[in-house]
Amino acid sequence: MTQTALVLLDVQVNLFAPEATVHASERVLAAIETLINAARANNAAVVYVQHNGGPDDPDAPGSPGWQLHEVCTLQAGDLVLQKETPNAFLHTDLAEMLRQREIKQLVLAGFQTELCIDTTCRAAWSRGFRVSLAADAHSTFDGETLKAAQIIAHHNSVLRNFARVYSSYNIKF
């Protein structure tokens, strides 16, 4: 196993419901699938992080929307954990799970750019992990003042202070 892990944040069914409008969802899912295939081909760890919403939320634990999207093909040895905050390290065993496997490098992808991607990227960096952000494999929704594409571009720029930012096709495991 390599010292690199693919960490996929919140790639869950509720984000792709008919009423959800994730920016460039098909392209982002294709990039995520490319990353999963590359990670597997290079014997890298694959980590799925699910967000646990509240009882009335579309991502309430156990609900159909909470399930991992079909692009997330679980295999033996994959790690799956749940979180309740935008930070995948906060109140979870993620750091310990990665250190037990001698993981030093993380590739981040998933949802939502300005919340879980941003927060987890900074948290990983502050814990001493080297981070690569798949620039084309994370997304969000249009905001009140900024369009999703602007939010993504802004975070790809800002997060260069904490991660190397690459296209998913240029990430090496």
Protein backbone atom coordinates (compact mmCIF):
# COMPACT_ATOMS: atom_id res chain seq x y z
CA MET A 1 0.00 0.00 0.00
CA THR A 2 1.23 3.50 -0.80
CA GLN A 3 1.49 6.30 1.73
CA THR A 4 -1.30 8.15 -0.09
CA ALA A 5 -5.03 8.02 0.57
CA LEU A 6 -7.92 9.30 -1.51
CA VAL A 7 -10.34 10.99 0.88
CA LEU A 8 -13.81 11.51 -0.60
CA LEU A 9 -16.04 13.88 1.33
CA ASP A 10 -19.82 13.71 1.29
CA VAL A 11 -20.31 11.99 -2.06
CA GLN A 12 -23.86 11.17 -1.01
CA VAL A 13 -27.13 10.63 -2.86
CA ASN A 14 -28.92 13.69 -1.44
CA LEU A 15 -26.58 16.04 -3.31
CA PHE A 16 -27.86 14.67 -6.61
CA ALA A 17 -31.58 14.61 -5.90
CA PRO A 18 -33.69 16.35 -8.58
CA GLU A 19 -34.06 19.47 -6.42
CA ALA A 20 -30.30 19.71 -5.74
CA THR A 21 -28.26 21.78 -8.14
CA VAL A 22 -24.63 20.82 -7.59
CA HIS A 23 -22.50 22.66 -10.13
CA ALA A 24 -21.18 20.45 -12.95
CA SER A 25 -22.26 17.33 -11.08
CA GLU A 26 -21.73 14.87 -13.95
CA ARG A 27 -18.23 16.17 -14.69
CA VAL A 28 -17.30 16.14 -10.99
CA LEU A 29 -18.60 12.60 -10.52
CA ALA A 30 -16.58 11.48 -13.55
CA ALA A 31 -13.45 13.08 -12.05
CA ILE A 32 -14.15 11.35 -8.73
CA GLU A 33 -14.53 8.03 -10.51
CA THR A 34 -11.19 8.64 -12.28
CA LEU A 35 -9.56 9.26 -8.88
CA ILE A 36 -11.08 6.11 -7.37
CA ASN A 37 -9.81 4.03 -10.30
CA ALA A 38 -6.33 5.59 -10.10
CA ALA A 39 -6.16 5.06 -6.33
CA ARG A 40 -7.14 1.41 -6.70
CA ALA A 41 -4.71 0.84 -9.58
CA ASN A 42 -1.89 2.15 -7.37
CA ASN A 43 -2.95 0.32 -4.22
CA ALA A 44 -3.75 3.56 -2.39
CA ALA A 45 -6.23 3.68 0.47
CA VAL A 46 -9.73 4.93 -0.33
CA VAL A 47 -11.61 6.72 2.45
CA TYR A 48 -15.29 7.60 2.22
CA VAL A 49 -16.52 10.24 4.66
CA GLN A 50 -20.28 10.63 5.04
CA HIS A 51 -21.94 13.64 6.59
CA ASN A 52 -24.56 12.85 9.24
CA GLY A 53 -27.30 15.45 9.07
CA GLY A 54 -30.03 16.01 11.62
CA PRO A 55 -33.23 13.95 11.84
CA ASP A 56 -35.11 16.13 9.31
CA ASP A 57 -32.18 16.67 6.95
CA PRO A 58 -31.87 14.93 3.56
CA ASP A 59 -28.63 13.35 4.81
CA ALA A 60 -30.00 12.01 8.09
CA PRO A 61 -28.14 8.78 8.95
CA GLY A 62 -29.81 5.76 7.37
CA SER A 63 -31.97 7.81 5.00
CA PRO A 64 -31.80 7.24 1.23
CA GLY A 65 -30.06 10.61 0.77
CA TRP A 66 -27.38 9.71 3.33
CA GLN A 67 -26.20 6.70 1.30
CA LEU A 68 -23.00 6.96 -0.72
CA HIS A 69 -23.51 7.79 -4.39
CA GLU A 70 -23.23 4.83 -6.78
CA VAL A 71 -19.87 6.10 -8.07
CA CYS A 72 -18.50 5.13 -4.65
CA THR A 73 -17.90 1.44 -5.17
CA LEU A 74 -16.89 0.03 -1.81
CA GLN A 75 -14.24 -2.65 -1.77
CA ALA A 76 -12.63 -4.67 0.98
CA GLY A 77 -10.15 -2.51 2.86
CA ASP A 78 -11.89 0.79 2.12
CA LEU A 79 -12.44 3.02 5.12
CA VAL A 80 -15.85 4.53 5.80
CA LEU A 81 -16.53 7.00 8.56
CA GLN A 82 -19.19 9.50 9.52
CA LYS A 83 -18.82 13.10 10.58
CA GLU A 84 -21.15 15.74 11.93
CA THR A 85 -19.12 18.86 11.15
CA PRO A 86 -17.44 20.25 8.03
CA ASN A 87 -14.09 19.03 9.42
CA ALA A 88 -13.60 15.32 8.70
CA PHE A 89 -10.99 15.19 11.49
CA LEU A 90 -13.10 16.78 14.25
CA HIS A 91 -14.68 14.19 16.58
CA THR A 92 -13.68 11.32 14.26
CA ASP A 93 -10.89 8.75 14.17
CA LEU A 94 -9.72 9.84 10.72
CA ALA A 95 -6.23 11.00 11.72
CA GLU A 96 -5.64 7.86 13.77
CA MET A 97 -6.93 5.60 10.98
CA LEU A 98 -4.58 7.27 8.49
CA ARG A 99 -1.55 7.18 10.80
CA GLN A 100 -2.12 3.48 11.56
CA ARG A 101 -1.79 2.86 7.82
CA GLU A 102 1.28 5.13 7.63
CA ILE A 103 -0.55 7.52 5.29
CA LYS A 104 1.30 10.81 4.84
CA GLN A 105 -0.33 12.22 1.69
CA LEU A 106 -4.04 12.90 1.14
CA VAL A 107 -5.91 13.55 -2.09
CA LEU A 108 -9.15 15.40 -1.35
CA ALA A 109 -12.29 15.46 -3.47
CA GLY A 110 -16.05 15.67 -2.94
CA PHE A 111 -18.52 18.20 -1.62
CA GLN A 112 -19.05 21.08 -0.57
CA THR A 113 -16.17 23.25 -1.69
CA GLU A 114 -16.54 26.11 0.78
CA LEU A 115 -17.46 23.90 3.73
CA CYS A 116 -16.13 20.36 4.04
CA ILE A 117 -13.46 20.56 1.35
CA ASP A 118 -12.02 23.83 2.65
CA THR A 119 -12.20 22.90 6.34
CA THR A 120 -10.84 19.37 5.92
CA CYS A 121 -8.01 20.58 3.67
CA ARG A 122 -6.84 23.08 6.28
CA ALA A 123 -7.29 20.55 9.10
CA ALA A 124 -5.26 17.92 7.26
CA TRP A 125 -2.46 20.39 6.61
CA SER A 126 -2.44 21.51 10.26
CA ARG A 127 -2.06 17.85 11.30
CA GLY A 128 1.04 17.43 9.16
CA PHE A 129 -0.43 15.65 6.16
CA ARG A 130 0.67 16.63 2.67
CA VAL A 131 -2.48 17.47 0.75
CA SER A 132 -3.40 17.43 -2.92
CA LEU A 133 -6.72 18.95 -3.88
CA ALA A 134 -8.35 17.64 -7.04
CA ALA A 135 -9.36 20.99 -8.54
CA ASP A 136 -11.98 19.47 -10.84
CA ALA A 137 -13.34 16.90 -8.39
CA HIS A 138 -15.08 19.09 -5.85
CA SER A 139 -18.14 21.24 -6.20
CA THR A 140 -20.88 23.23 -4.52
CA PHE A 141 -24.10 25.11 -5.16
CA ASP A 142 -24.66 28.67 -6.35
CA GLY A 143 -24.59 31.05 -3.39
CA GLU A 144 -26.51 34.23 -2.75
CA THR A 145 -23.70 36.46 -4.01
CA LEU A 146 -21.36 34.11 -5.89
CA LYS A 147 -21.96 31.45 -8.50
CA ALA A 148 -20.64 27.95 -7.78
CA ALA A 149 -17.91 28.28 -10.41
CA GLN A 150 -16.64 31.43 -8.67
CA ILE A 151 -16.66 29.71 -5.27
CA ILE A 152 -14.72 26.75 -6.67
CA ALA A 153 -12.16 28.94 -8.45
CA HIS A 154 -11.67 31.06 -5.33
CA HIS A 155 -11.10 28.02 -3.11
CA ASN A 156 -8.76 26.38 -5.63
CA SER A 157 -6.71 29.59 -5.43
CA VAL A 158 -6.81 30.09 -1.65
CA LEU A 159 -6.25 26.44 -0.76
CA ARG A 160 -2.94 26.50 -2.66
CA ASN A 161 -1.59 27.76 0.68
CA PHE A 162 -2.43 24.37 2.23
CA ALA A 163 -2.41 21.94 -0.69
CA ARG A 164 -1.11 21.29 -4.14
CA VAL A 165 -3.99 21.85 -6.50
CA TYR A 166 -4.13 19.65 -9.59
CA SER A 167 -6.60 18.35 -12.13
CA SER A 168 -7.72 14.84 -11.17
CA TYR A 169 -6.01 13.54 -14.32
CA ASN A 170 -2.65 14.85 -13.09
CA ILE A 171 -2.79 13.44 -9.56
CA LYS A 172 -0.41 10.57 -8.89
CA PHE A 173 -0.98 7.99 -6.17
